[in-house]
Amino acid sequence: MVQSVYSIEALNTLQKEEDILLKQLEECKQSNDIIMDTSATATADDTNANNSNNQEMEQMLNKLENSNEKQHLLIANEIQSENEKMDELADRLNKMKRLGQQLQDVKDRQDAYITESVESITTMLPLHALCIGPGLGRHSLVFKVVSQVIYKAMELNLTLVLDADALYMLSLEEYSKLLVELRGYEKCVMTPNVMETRRLNDALSFSGKGSINCSKSISDNHNIIVQKGSIDTISNIHSKMYCEEEGGLKRSGGIGDVLAGTISAFMAWNTILDTDSDMEVTKKQQQRVFACWTACVAVKMATKAAYDKKRRSMSALDVSGEIGNVLDDLEQGL
């Protein structure tokens, strides 16, 4: 079942309107600065403000014999010049005010659309597990929707699996506070590859919160980190496991998405089976780490099975198609 929660065309339109208005406001600001600088220069040295006008003024002054008339003419000319500059500045300031009002209107419409999109998602909650990231894209307004959905999921104590562009979002300075909060949220699973791990480390370094790299700061991680590689490392503050299962020889795009989905399924099953309210937190977290480890094993096995059948033509869909058989084999092995 597919349910639309936002229109990318509508978001693009709102973003484009904001960008245009911001550009116009910046141009107005620069023009106002030029006018103010010119006015200051003219006040400091009126004789250099406009050579042609000064020459005309000098000729008129030479024709005047009365010193009072000369003084009055100088004052009148200075007032006229300043009035013209002030009128131009006032016009530009009024334009900036209008642009500011238009920008606020666009932001209000953005906020309304974001709120509507968030509500369309959160009305489906609670779920056993919520996976965010695969196919998400990097639209700035979509990120605002996602951040609010994550906060709502945390409020409902839902299991979260964050992958791909959701991890890119968390590496941005704007969402550093959310990243720190998620690291302390025990029902969150992050699945970074090497590049995503580096970005998250940099983001935390900038915010002065240390490293998310589980091999260096396992004691700081309350959430689960599944660091993907030839050997997957699954860890949190309570335990650490390595998935050394042999995978296929081809690394097709989309396999990470298969892993995120498989981890989500296992975490959902963990949530369903988690009925013992008296179980220690440490034990529950160890079980969650084990669930993620089992998902990693399943995907590695599925990748190898798909590659053995399809060789170089293998795709992520082939891997996904092997998951069912692999889970059957794992159950029989148990």
C-alpha atoms as a PDB file:
ATOM      1  CA  MET A   1       0.000   0.000   0.000  1.00  0.00           C
ATOM      2  CA  VAL A   2       1.303   3.432  -0.933  1.00  0.00           C
ATOM      3  CA  GLN A   3       0.069   6.644   0.629  1.00  0.00           C
ATOM      4  CA  SER A   4       1.180  10.042  -0.615  1.00  0.00           C
ATOM      5  CA  VAL A   5       2.148  12.495   2.118  1.00  0.00           C
ATOM      6  CA  TYR A   6       3.416  15.462   0.082  1.00  0.00           C
ATOM      7  CA  SER A   7       3.808  16.729  -3.474  1.00  0.00           C
ATOM      8  CA  ILE A   8       7.399  17.419  -4.484  1.00  0.00           C
ATOM      9  CA  GLU A   9       6.091  19.835  -7.139  1.00  0.00           C
ATOM     10  CA  ALA A  10       4.314  21.883  -4.469  1.00  0.00           C
ATOM     11  CA  LEU A  11       7.404  21.885  -2.265  1.00  0.00           C
ATOM     12  CA  ASN A  12       9.604  22.946  -5.188  1.00  0.00           C
ATOM     13  CA  THR A  13       7.246  25.832  -5.950  1.00  0.00           C
ATOM     14  CA  LEU A  14       7.319  27.043  -2.346  1.00  0.00           C
ATOM     15  CA  GLN A  15      11.108  26.720  -2.204  1.00  0.00           C
ATOM     16  CA  LYS A  16      11.532  28.597  -5.504  1.00  0.00           C
ATOM     17  CA  GLU A  17       9.306  31.457  -4.299  1.00  0.00           C
ATOM     18  CA  GLU A  18      11.396  31.777  -1.144  1.00  0.00           C
ATOM     19  CA  ASP A  19      14.676  31.742  -3.072  1.00  0.00           C
ATOM     20  CA  ILE A  20      13.482  34.474  -5.462  1.00  0.00           C
ATOM     21  CA  LEU A  21      12.308  36.733  -2.619  1.00  0.00           C
ATOM     22  CA  LEU A  22      15.527  36.221  -0.661  1.00  0.00           C
ATOM     23  CA  LYS A  23      17.540  37.170  -3.742  1.00  0.00           C
ATOM     24  CA  GLN A  24      15.461  40.327  -4.291  1.00  0.00           C
ATOM     25  CA  LEU A  25      15.821  41.305  -0.639  1.00  0.00           C
ATOM     26  CA  GLU A  26      19.587  40.908  -0.828  1.00  0.00           C
ATOM     27  CA  GLU A  27      19.725  43.064  -3.970  1.00  0.00           C
ATOM     28  CA  CYS A  28      17.665  45.776  -2.243  1.00  0.00           C
ATOM     29  CA  LYS A  29      19.881  45.654   0.817  1.00  0.00           C
ATOM     30  CA  GLN A  30      23.001  46.078  -1.319  1.00  0.00           C
ATOM     31  CA  SER A  31      21.414  49.022  -3.178  1.00  0.00           C
ATOM     32  CA  ASN A  32      20.502  50.677   0.127  1.00  0.00           C
ATOM     33  CA  ASP A  33      24.068  50.257   1.356  1.00  0.00           C
ATOM     34  CA  ILE A  34      25.339  51.953  -1.808  1.00  0.00           C
ATOM     35  CA  ILE A  35      22.971  54.891  -1.315  1.00  0.00           C
ATOM     36  CA  MET A  36      24.019  55.287   2.317  1.00  0.00           C
ATOM     37  CA  ASP A  37      27.714  55.112   1.392  1.00  0.00           C
ATOM     38  CA  THR A  38      27.208  57.717  -1.326  1.00  0.00           C
ATOM     39  CA  SER A  39      25.384  59.979   1.079  1.00  0.00           C
ATOM     40  CA  ALA A  40      28.175  59.728   3.628  1.00  0.00           C
ATOM     41  CA  THR A  41      30.784  60.497   0.990  1.00  0.00           C
ATOM     42  CA  ALA A  42      28.823  63.503  -0.201  1.00  0.00           C
ATOM     43  CA  THR A  43      28.524  64.854   3.336  1.00  0.00           C
ATOM     44  CA  ALA A  44      32.267  64.527   3.865  1.00  0.00           C
ATOM     45  CA  ASP A  45      33.169  66.259   0.630  1.00  0.00           C
ATOM     46  CA  ASP A  46      30.332  67.954  -1.275  1.00  0.00           C
ATOM     47  CA  THR A  47      32.624  69.406  -3.944  1.00  0.00           C
ATOM     48  CA  ASN A  48      33.484  65.898  -5.185  1.00  0.00           C
ATOM     49  CA  ALA A  49      29.924  64.496  -5.224  1.00  0.00           C
ATOM     50  CA  ASN A  50      29.154  65.366  -8.816  1.00  0.00           C
ATOM     51  CA  ASN A  51      31.679  67.230 -10.990  1.00  0.00           C
ATOM     52  CA  SER A  52      29.276  68.359 -13.668  1.00  0.00           C
ATOM     53  CA  ASN A  53      26.761  69.703 -11.133  1.00  0.00           C
ATOM     54  CA  ASN A  54      29.539  71.464  -9.226  1.00  0.00           C
ATOM     55  CA  GLN A  55      30.690  73.215 -12.384  1.00  0.00           C
ATOM     56  CA  GLU A  56      27.182  74.435 -13.123  1.00  0.00           C
ATOM     57  CA  MET A  57      26.794  75.598  -9.540  1.00  0.00           C
ATOM     58  CA  GLU A  58      30.084  77.485  -9.684  1.00  0.00           C
ATOM     59  CA  GLN A  59      29.008  79.332 -12.807  1.00  0.00           C
ATOM     60  CA  MET A  60      25.727  80.331 -11.167  1.00  0.00           C
ATOM     61  CA  LEU A  61      27.532  81.488  -8.047  1.00  0.00           C
ATOM     62  CA  ASN A  62      29.919  83.656 -10.074  1.00  0.00           C
ATOM     63  CA  LYS A  63      26.938  85.477 -11.514  1.00  0.00           C
ATOM     64  CA  LEU A  64      25.570  86.234  -8.074  1.00  0.00           C
ATOM     65  CA  GLU A  65      26.981  89.287  -6.297  1.00  0.00           C
ATOM     66  CA  ASN A  66      25.105  88.938  -3.047  1.00  0.00           C
ATOM     67  CA  SER A  67      26.851  86.517  -0.644  1.00  0.00           C
ATOM     68  CA  ASN A  68      23.537  85.699   1.046  1.00  0.00           C
ATOM     69  CA  GLU A  69      22.062  84.606  -2.262  1.00  0.00           C
ATOM     70  CA  LYS A  70      25.087  82.398  -2.875  1.00  0.00           C
ATOM     71  CA  GLN A  71      24.696  80.790   0.531  1.00  0.00           C
ATOM     72  CA  HIS A  72      20.964  80.230   0.044  1.00  0.00           C
ATOM     73  CA  LEU A  73      21.582  78.608  -3.343  1.00  0.00           C
ATOM     74  CA  LEU A  74      24.212  76.269  -1.894  1.00  0.00           C
ATOM     75  CA  ILE A  75      21.897  75.209   0.930  1.00  0.00           C
ATOM     76  CA  ALA A  76      18.961  74.702  -1.462  1.00  0.00           C
ATOM     77  CA  ASN A  77      21.083  72.536  -3.766  1.00  0.00           C
ATOM     78  CA  GLU A  78      22.371  70.434  -0.851  1.00  0.00           C
ATOM     79  CA  ILE A  79      18.852  69.950   0.512  1.00  0.00           C
ATOM     80  CA  GLN A  80      17.530  68.941  -2.899  1.00  0.00           C
ATOM     81  CA  SER A  81      20.331  66.389  -3.349  1.00  0.00           C
ATOM     82  CA  GLU A  82      19.790  64.901   0.101  1.00  0.00           C
ATOM     83  CA  ASN A  83      16.010  64.823  -0.371  1.00  0.00           C
ATOM     84  CA  GLU A  84      16.381  62.924  -3.640  1.00  0.00           C
ATOM     85  CA  LYS A  85      18.627  60.363  -1.930  1.00  0.00           C
ATOM     86  CA  MET A  86      16.252  60.025   0.998  1.00  0.00           C
ATOM     87  CA  ASP A  87      13.282  59.595  -1.348  1.00  0.00           C
ATOM     88  CA  GLU A  88      15.135  56.849  -3.219  1.00  0.00           C
ATOM     89  CA  LEU A  89      16.130  55.207   0.034  1.00  0.00           C
ATOM     90  CA  ALA A  90      12.540  55.386   1.322  1.00  0.00           C
ATOM     91  CA  ASP A  91      11.273  53.779  -1.891  1.00  0.00           C
ATOM     92  CA  ARG A  92      13.762  50.942  -1.534  1.00  0.00           C
ATOM     93  CA  LEU A  93      12.937  50.466   2.137  1.00  0.00           C
ATOM     94  CA  ASN A  94       9.239  50.262   1.277  1.00  0.00           C
ATOM     95  CA  LYS A  95      10.086  47.695  -1.367  1.00  0.00           C
ATOM     96  CA  MET A  96      12.049  45.701   1.193  1.00  0.00           C
ATOM     97  CA  LYS A  97       9.073  45.857   3.539  1.00  0.00           C
ATOM     98  CA  ARG A  98       6.766  44.522   0.818  1.00  0.00           C
ATOM     99  CA  LEU A  99       9.239  41.756  -0.043  1.00  0.00           C
ATOM    100  CA  GLY A 100       9.532  40.888   3.643  1.00  0.00           C
ATOM    101  CA  GLN A 101       5.767  40.562   3.913  1.00  0.00           C
ATOM    102  CA  GLN A 102       5.687  38.369   0.811  1.00  0.00           C
ATOM    103  CA  LEU A 103       8.514  36.236   2.224  1.00  0.00           C
ATOM    104  CA  GLN A 104       6.639  35.792   5.498  1.00  0.00           C
ATOM    105  CA  ASP A 105       3.562  34.734   3.534  1.00  0.00           C
ATOM    106  CA  VAL A 106       5.606  32.105   1.704  1.00  0.00           C
ATOM    107  CA  LYS A 107       7.083  30.855   4.991  1.00  0.00           C
ATOM    108  CA  ASP A 108       3.601  30.651   6.502  1.00  0.00           C
ATOM    109  CA  ARG A 109       2.429  28.579   3.546  1.00  0.00           C
ATOM    110  CA  GLN A 110       5.514  26.380   3.886  1.00  0.00           C
ATOM    111  CA  ASP A 111       4.793  25.834   7.576  1.00  0.00           C
ATOM    112  CA  ALA A 112       1.160  24.992   6.841  1.00  0.00           C
ATOM    113  CA  TYR A 113       2.166  22.498   4.152  1.00  0.00           C
ATOM    114  CA  ILE A 114       4.803  20.932   6.403  1.00  0.00           C
ATOM    115  CA  THR A 115       2.284  20.618   9.249  1.00  0.00           C
ATOM    116  CA  GLU A 116      -0.222  18.986   6.908  1.00  0.00           C
ATOM    117  CA  SER A 117       2.404  16.521   5.649  1.00  0.00           C
ATOM    118  CA  VAL A 118       3.533  15.656   9.179  1.00  0.00           C
ATOM    119  CA  GLU A 119      -0.056  15.053  10.268  1.00  0.00           C
ATOM    120  CA  SER A 120      -0.684  12.760   7.297  1.00  0.00           C
ATOM    121  CA  ILE A 121       2.224  10.612   8.510  1.00  0.00           C
ATOM    122  CA  THR A 122       1.735  10.769  12.260  1.00  0.00           C
ATOM    123  CA  THR A 123      -1.943   9.786  11.966  1.00  0.00           C
ATOM    124  CA  MET A 124      -0.633   6.353  10.898  1.00  0.00           C
ATOM    125  CA  LEU A 125       1.359   6.044  14.120  1.00  0.00           C
ATOM    126  CA  PRO A 126       2.055   4.141  16.257  1.00  0.00           C
ATOM    127  CA  LEU A 127       3.770   1.446  14.219  1.00  0.00           C
ATOM    128  CA  HIS A 128       5.948  -1.431  15.366  1.00  0.00           C
ATOM    129  CA  ALA A 129       8.921   0.178  13.589  1.00  0.00           C
ATOM    130  CA  LEU A 130       9.459   3.239  11.407  1.00  0.00           C
ATOM    131  CA  CYS A 131      12.172   3.270   8.733  1.00  0.00           C
ATOM    132  CA  ILE A 132      13.203   6.641   7.259  1.00  0.00           C
ATOM    133  CA  GLY A 133      15.815   7.335   4.609  1.00  0.00           C
ATOM    134  CA  PRO A 134      15.764   5.101   1.526  1.00  0.00           C
ATOM    135  CA  GLY A 135      14.534   7.119  -1.462  1.00  0.00           C
ATOM    136  CA  LEU A 136      13.964  10.172   0.737  1.00  0.00           C
ATOM    137  CA  GLY A 137      15.930  12.718  -1.299  1.00  0.00           C
ATOM    138  CA  ARG A 138      17.531  15.889   0.070  1.00  0.00           C
ATOM    139  CA  HIS A 139      14.865  18.565  -0.286  1.00  0.00           C
ATOM    140  CA  SER A 140      15.226  21.074   2.553  1.00  0.00           C
ATOM    141  CA  LEU A 141      11.471  21.226   3.191  1.00  0.00           C
ATOM    142  CA  VAL A 142      11.201  17.418   3.207  1.00  0.00           C
ATOM    143  CA  PHE A 143      13.904  17.406   5.890  1.00  0.00           C
ATOM    144  CA  LYS A 144      11.730  19.713   8.009  1.00  0.00           C
ATOM    145  CA  VAL A 145       8.859  17.238   7.665  1.00  0.00           C
ATOM    146  CA  VAL A 146      11.139  14.328   8.569  1.00  0.00           C
ATOM    147  CA  SER A 147      12.601  16.022  11.654  1.00  0.00           C
ATOM    148  CA  GLN A 148       9.125  16.663  13.059  1.00  0.00           C
ATOM    149  CA  VAL A 149       8.066  13.072  12.328  1.00  0.00           C
ATOM    150  CA  ILE A 150      11.166  11.793  14.166  1.00  0.00           C
ATOM    151  CA  TYR A 151      10.397  13.941  17.191  1.00  0.00           C
ATOM    152  CA  LYS A 152       6.823  12.615  17.203  1.00  0.00           C
ATOM    153  CA  ALA A 153       8.074   9.019  16.938  1.00  0.00           C
ATOM    154  CA  MET A 154      10.399   9.575  19.895  1.00  0.00           C
ATOM    155  CA  GLU A 155       7.506  11.046  21.848  1.00  0.00           C
ATOM    156  CA  LEU A 156       5.545   7.831  21.167  1.00  0.00           C
ATOM    157  CA  ASN A 157       8.602   5.693  22.051  1.00  0.00           C
ATOM    158  CA  LEU A 158       8.637   4.054  18.606  1.00  0.00           C
ATOM    159  CA  THR A 159      11.483   2.012  17.145  1.00  0.00           C
ATOM    160  CA  LEU A 160      13.298   4.065  14.487  1.00  0.00           C
ATOM    161  CA  VAL A 161      15.576   2.838  11.702  1.00  0.00           C
ATOM    162  CA  LEU A 162      17.447   5.720  10.023  1.00  0.00           C
ATOM    163  CA  ASP A 163      19.366   5.188   6.804  1.00  0.00           C
ATOM    164  CA  ALA A 164      20.644   6.936   3.673  1.00  0.00           C
ATOM    165  CA  ASP A 165      19.375  10.527   3.261  1.00  0.00           C
ATOM    166  CA  ALA A 166      17.982  10.580   6.806  1.00  0.00           C
ATOM    167  CA  LEU A 167      21.588  10.206   7.983  1.00  0.00           C
ATOM    168  CA  TYR A 168      22.688  12.941   5.576  1.00  0.00           C
ATOM    169  CA  MET A 169      20.033  15.199   7.098  1.00  0.00           C
ATOM    170  CA  LEU A 170      21.374  14.512  10.588  1.00  0.00           C
ATOM    171  CA  SER A 171      24.879  15.494   9.452  1.00  0.00           C
ATOM    172  CA  LEU A 172      23.667  19.050   8.709  1.00  0.00           C
ATOM    173  CA  GLU A 173      24.278  21.741  11.325  1.00  0.00           C
ATOM    174  CA  GLU A 174      20.573  22.602  11.394  1.00  0.00           C
ATOM    175  CA  TYR A 175      19.768  19.152  12.805  1.00  0.00           C
ATOM    176  CA  SER A 176      22.743  18.688  15.154  1.00  0.00           C
ATOM    177  CA  LYS A 177      20.487  18.935  18.213  1.00  0.00           C
ATOM    178  CA  LEU A 178      18.277  16.145  16.862  1.00  0.00           C
ATOM    179  CA  LEU A 179      21.346  13.999  16.158  1.00  0.00           C
ATOM    180  CA  VAL A 180      22.520  14.353  19.748  1.00  0.00           C
ATOM    181  CA  GLU A 181      19.072  13.468  21.078  1.00  0.00           C
ATOM    182  CA  LEU A 182      18.846  10.391  18.847  1.00  0.00           C
ATOM    183  CA  ARG A 183      22.184   9.103  20.120  1.00  0.00           C
ATOM    184  CA  GLY A 184      20.585   8.927  23.556  1.00  0.00           C
ATOM    185  CA  TYR A 185      17.390   7.285  22.253  1.00  0.00           C
ATOM    186  CA  GLU A 186      17.713   3.547  22.829  1.00  0.00           C
ATOM    187  CA  LYS A 187      15.072   2.584  20.260  1.00  0.00           C
ATOM    188  CA  CYS A 188      16.936   4.224  17.381  1.00  0.00           C
ATOM    189  CA  VAL A 189      19.006   2.248  14.865  1.00  0.00           C
ATOM    190  CA  MET A 190      21.346   4.102  12.491  1.00  0.00           C
ATOM    191  CA  THR A 191      22.856   2.255   9.533  1.00  0.00           C
ATOM    192  CA  PRO A 192      25.745   4.388   8.203  1.00  0.00           C
ATOM    193  CA  ASN A 193      28.294   3.319   5.618  1.00  0.00           C
ATOM    194  CA  VAL A 194      31.870   4.632   5.748  1.00  0.00           C
ATOM    195  CA  MET A 195      31.057   8.007   4.162  1.00  0.00           C
ATOM    196  CA  GLU A 196      27.930   8.523   6.275  1.00  0.00           C
ATOM    197  CA  THR A 197      29.883   7.654   9.423  1.00  0.00           C
ATOM    198  CA  ARG A 198      32.483  10.291   8.506  1.00  0.00           C
ATOM    199  CA  ARG A 199      29.792  12.950   7.983  1.00  0.00           C
ATOM    200  CA  LEU A 200      28.150  12.144  11.318  1.00  0.00           C
ATOM    201  CA  ASN A 201      31.504  12.232  13.075  1.00  0.00           C
ATOM    202  CA  ASP A 202      32.214  15.642  11.561  1.00  0.00           C
ATOM    203  CA  ALA A 203      28.781  16.918  12.575  1.00  0.00           C
ATOM    204  CA  LEU A 204      29.296  15.832  16.165  1.00  0.00           C
ATOM    205  CA  SER A 205      32.828  17.209  16.178  1.00  0.00           C
ATOM    206  CA  PHE A 206      31.529  20.634  15.108  1.00  0.00           C
ATOM    207  CA  SER A 207      28.902  20.589  17.838  1.00  0.00           C
ATOM    208  CA  GLY A 208      31.455  19.507  20.428  1.00  0.00           C
ATOM    209  CA  LYS A 209      29.617  16.297  21.287  1.00  0.00           C
ATOM    210  CA  GLY A 210      32.314  13.746  20.476  1.00  0.00           C
ATOM    211  CA  SER A 211      32.248  10.944  17.935  1.00  0.00           C
ATOM    212  CA  ILE A 212      29.510   8.600  16.802  1.00  0.00           C
ATOM    213  CA  ASN A 213      32.061   6.081  15.521  1.00  0.00           C
ATOM    214  CA  CYS A 214      31.186   2.999  17.553  1.00  0.00           C
ATOM    215  CA  SER A 215      34.762   1.670  17.397  1.00  0.00           C
ATOM    216  CA  LYS A 216      35.975   4.811  19.242  1.00  0.00           C
ATOM    217  CA  SER A 217      33.098   5.854  21.504  1.00  0.00           C
ATOM    218  CA  ILE A 218      30.895   2.855  22.186  1.00  0.00           C
ATOM    219  CA  SER A 219      30.309   4.103  25.732  1.00  0.00           C
ATOM    220  CA  ASP A 220      28.580   7.215  24.366  1.00  0.00           C
ATOM    221  CA  ASN A 221      26.075   5.380  22.159  1.00  0.00           C
ATOM    222  CA  HIS A 222      22.726   4.522  23.696  1.00  0.00           C
ATOM    223  CA  ASN A 223      21.202   3.974  20.264  1.00  0.00           C
ATOM    224  CA  ILE A 224      22.276   1.126  17.983  1.00  0.00           C
ATOM    225  CA  ILE A 225      24.844   1.796  15.266  1.00  0.00           C
ATOM    226  CA  VAL A 226      25.045  -0.662  12.372  1.00  0.00           C
ATOM    227  CA  GLN A 227      28.273   0.331  10.676  1.00  0.00           C
ATOM    228  CA  LYS A 228      28.183  -1.314   7.254  1.00  0.00           C
ATOM    229  CA  GLY A 229      31.226  -2.783   5.541  1.00  0.00           C
ATOM    230  CA  SER A 230      32.833  -6.044   4.520  1.00  0.00           C
ATOM    231  CA  ILE A 231      32.305  -6.881   8.196  1.00  0.00           C
ATOM    232  CA  ASP A 232      29.276  -5.169   9.736  1.00  0.00           C
ATOM    233  CA  THR A 233      29.699  -3.816  13.262  1.00  0.00           C
ATOM    234  CA  ILE A 234      26.545  -3.643  15.388  1.00  0.00           C
ATOM    235  CA  SER A 235      26.865  -1.923  18.740  1.00  0.00           C
ATOM    236  CA  ASN A 236      25.454   0.232  21.493  1.00  0.00           C
ATOM    237  CA  ILE A 237      26.381   1.039  25.066  1.00  0.00           C
ATOM    238  CA  HIS A 238      25.435  -2.464  26.228  1.00  0.00           C
ATOM    239  CA  SER A 239      26.903  -4.818  23.629  1.00  0.00           C
ATOM    240  CA  LYS A 240      28.794  -5.171  20.376  1.00  0.00           C
ATOM    241  CA  MET A 241      28.603  -7.808  17.650  1.00  0.00           C
ATOM    242  CA  TYR A 242      30.292  -8.401  14.300  1.00  0.00           C
ATOM    243  CA  CYS A 243      28.646  -9.856  11.208  1.00  0.00           C
ATOM    244  CA  GLU A 244      31.376 -11.750   9.358  1.00  0.00           C
ATOM    245  CA  GLU A 245      28.976 -13.671   7.104  1.00  0.00           C
ATOM    246  CA  GLU A 246      30.229 -14.013   3.540  1.00  0.00           C
ATOM    247  CA  GLY A 247      28.307 -11.915   1.031  1.00  0.00           C
ATOM    248  CA  GLY A 248      28.182 -11.764  -2.739  1.00  0.00           C
ATOM    249  CA  LEU A 249      31.054 -10.394  -4.774  1.00  0.00           C
ATOM    250  CA  LYS A 250      28.969  -7.619  -6.335  1.00  0.00           C
ATOM    251  CA  ARG A 251      27.930  -4.536  -4.410  1.00  0.00           C
ATOM    252  CA  SER A 252      24.777  -3.335  -6.187  1.00  0.00           C
ATOM    253  CA  GLY A 253      23.097  -0.033  -5.449  1.00  0.00           C
ATOM    254  CA  GLY A 254      20.057  -0.529  -3.244  1.00  0.00           C
ATOM    255  CA  ILE A 255      21.416  -3.338  -1.081  1.00  0.00           C
ATOM    256  CA  GLY A 256      21.689  -0.848   1.768  1.00  0.00           C
ATOM    257  CA  ASP A 257      17.968  -0.174   1.364  1.00  0.00           C
ATOM    258  CA  VAL A 258      17.303  -3.928   1.551  1.00  0.00           C
ATOM    259  CA  LEU A 259      19.295  -4.047   4.779  1.00  0.00           C
ATOM    260  CA  ALA A 260      17.407  -1.084   6.268  1.00  0.00           C
ATOM    261  CA  GLY A 261      14.096  -2.759   5.442  1.00  0.00           C
ATOM    262  CA  THR A 262      15.230  -6.106   6.835  1.00  0.00           C
ATOM    263  CA  ILE A 263      16.466  -4.483  10.057  1.00  0.00           C
ATOM    264  CA  SER A 264      13.098  -2.709  10.321  1.00  0.00           C
ATOM    265  CA  ALA A 265      11.297  -6.037  10.016  1.00  0.00           C
ATOM    266  CA  PHE A 266      13.433  -7.652  12.710  1.00  0.00           C
ATOM    267  CA  MET A 267      13.051  -4.642  14.996  1.00  0.00           C
ATOM    268  CA  ALA A 268       9.283  -4.751  14.479  1.00  0.00           C
ATOM    269  CA  TRP A 269       9.272  -8.422  15.469  1.00  0.00           C
ATOM    270  CA  ASN A 270      11.381  -7.529  18.491  1.00  0.00           C
ATOM    271  CA  THR A 271       8.813  -4.897  19.481  1.00  0.00           C
ATOM    272  CA  ILE A 272       5.955  -7.378  19.109  1.00  0.00           C
ATOM    273  CA  LEU A 273       7.741  -9.991  21.232  1.00  0.00           C
ATOM    274  CA  ASP A 274       8.867  -7.467  23.850  1.00  0.00           C
ATOM    275  CA  THR A 275       6.115  -8.158  26.381  1.00  0.00           C
ATOM    276  CA  ASP A 276       8.208  -8.659  29.499  1.00  0.00           C
ATOM    277  CA  SER A 277       8.002  -5.364  31.363  1.00  0.00           C
ATOM    278  CA  ASP A 278      10.228  -6.717  34.133  1.00  0.00           C
ATOM    279  CA  MET A 279      13.170  -7.486  31.840  1.00  0.00           C
ATOM    280  CA  GLU A 280      16.258  -5.407  32.482  1.00  0.00           C
ATOM    281  CA  VAL A 281      17.010  -2.585  30.053  1.00  0.00           C
ATOM    282  CA  THR A 282      20.438  -4.041  29.354  1.00  0.00           C
ATOM    283  CA  LYS A 283      18.919  -7.378  28.351  1.00  0.00           C
ATOM    284  CA  LYS A 284      16.383  -5.702  26.065  1.00  0.00           C
ATOM    285  CA  GLN A 285      19.107  -3.707  24.365  1.00  0.00           C
ATOM    286  CA  GLN A 286      21.207  -6.823  23.880  1.00  0.00           C
ATOM    287  CA  GLN A 287      18.220  -8.449  22.185  1.00  0.00           C
ATOM    288  CA  ARG A 288      17.838  -5.433  19.881  1.00  0.00           C
ATOM    289  CA  VAL A 289      21.502  -5.616  18.928  1.00  0.00           C
ATOM    290  CA  PHE A 290      21.060  -9.334  18.248  1.00  0.00           C
ATOM    291  CA  ALA A 291      18.013  -8.595  16.058  1.00  0.00           C
ATOM    292  CA  CYS A 292      20.068  -6.155  13.976  1.00  0.00           C
ATOM    293  CA  TRP A 293      22.931  -8.659  13.755  1.00  0.00           C
ATOM    294  CA  THR A 294      20.518 -11.359  12.509  1.00  0.00           C
ATOM    295  CA  ALA A 295      19.207  -8.977   9.856  1.00  0.00           C
ATOM    296  CA  CYS A 296      22.779  -8.290   8.693  1.00  0.00           C
ATOM    297  CA  VAL A 297      23.452 -12.035   8.477  1.00  0.00           C
ATOM    298  CA  ALA A 298      20.262 -12.576   6.472  1.00  0.00           C
ATOM    299  CA  VAL A 299      21.108  -9.870   3.940  1.00  0.00           C
ATOM    300  CA  LYS A 300      24.698 -11.101   3.536  1.00  0.00           C
ATOM    301  CA  MET A 301      23.400 -14.618   2.897  1.00  0.00           C
ATOM    302  CA  ALA A 302      20.762 -13.293   0.469  1.00  0.00           C
ATOM    303  CA  THR A 303      23.404 -11.270  -1.372  1.00  0.00           C
ATOM    304  CA  LYS A 304      25.588 -14.339  -1.803  1.00  0.00           C
ATOM    305  CA  ALA A 305      22.646 -16.469  -2.967  1.00  0.00           C
ATOM    306  CA  ALA A 306      21.585 -13.804  -5.484  1.00  0.00           C
ATOM    307  CA  TYR A 307      25.121 -13.386  -6.808  1.00  0.00           C
ATOM    308  CA  ASP A 308      25.607 -17.145  -7.165  1.00  0.00           C
ATOM    309  CA  LYS A 309      22.495 -17.224  -9.374  1.00  0.00           C
ATOM    310  CA  LYS A 310      22.755 -13.972 -11.335  1.00  0.00           C
ATOM    311  CA  ARG A 311      26.476 -13.226 -11.162  1.00  0.00           C
ATOM    312  CA  ARG A 312      27.240  -9.805 -12.681  1.00  0.00           C
ATOM    313  CA  SER A 313      23.605  -9.140 -13.587  1.00  0.00           C
ATOM    314  CA  MET A 314      22.589  -9.262  -9.927  1.00  0.00           C
ATOM    315  CA  SER A 315      20.581  -6.317  -8.622  1.00  0.00           C
ATOM    316  CA  ALA A 316      19.150  -5.317  -5.243  1.00  0.00           C
ATOM    317  CA  LEU A 317      15.790  -6.755  -6.296  1.00  0.00           C
ATOM    318  CA  ASP A 318      17.440 -10.152  -6.678  1.00  0.00           C
ATOM    319  CA  VAL A 319      18.785  -9.826  -3.137  1.00  0.00           C
ATOM    320  CA  SER A 320      15.360  -8.896  -1.814  1.00  0.00           C
ATOM    321  CA  GLY A 321      13.902 -11.935  -3.577  1.00  0.00           C
ATOM    322  CA  GLU A 322      16.249 -14.243  -1.660  1.00  0.00           C
ATOM    323  CA  ILE A 323      15.380 -12.929   1.810  1.00  0.00           C
ATOM    324  CA  GLY A 324      12.416 -15.294   2.274  1.00  0.00           C
ATOM    325  CA  ASN A 325      14.444 -18.423   1.503  1.00  0.00           C
ATOM    326  CA  VAL A 326      17.283 -17.250   3.731  1.00  0.00           C
ATOM    327  CA  LEU A 327      14.953 -16.693   6.685  1.00  0.00           C
ATOM    328  CA  ASP A 328      13.513 -20.179   6.186  1.00  0.00           C
ATOM    329  CA  ASP A 329      17.045 -21.612   6.245  1.00  0.00           C
ATOM    330  CA  LEU A 330      17.877 -19.640   9.395  1.00  0.00           C
ATOM    331  CA  GLU A 331      14.734 -20.901  11.149  1.00  0.00           C
ATOM    332  CA  GLN A 332      15.528 -24.491  10.201  1.00  0.00           C
ATOM    333  CA  GLY A 333      19.067 -23.987  11.441  1.00  0.00           C
ATOM    334  CA  LEU A 334      17.703 -22.926  14.797  1.00  0.00           C
END
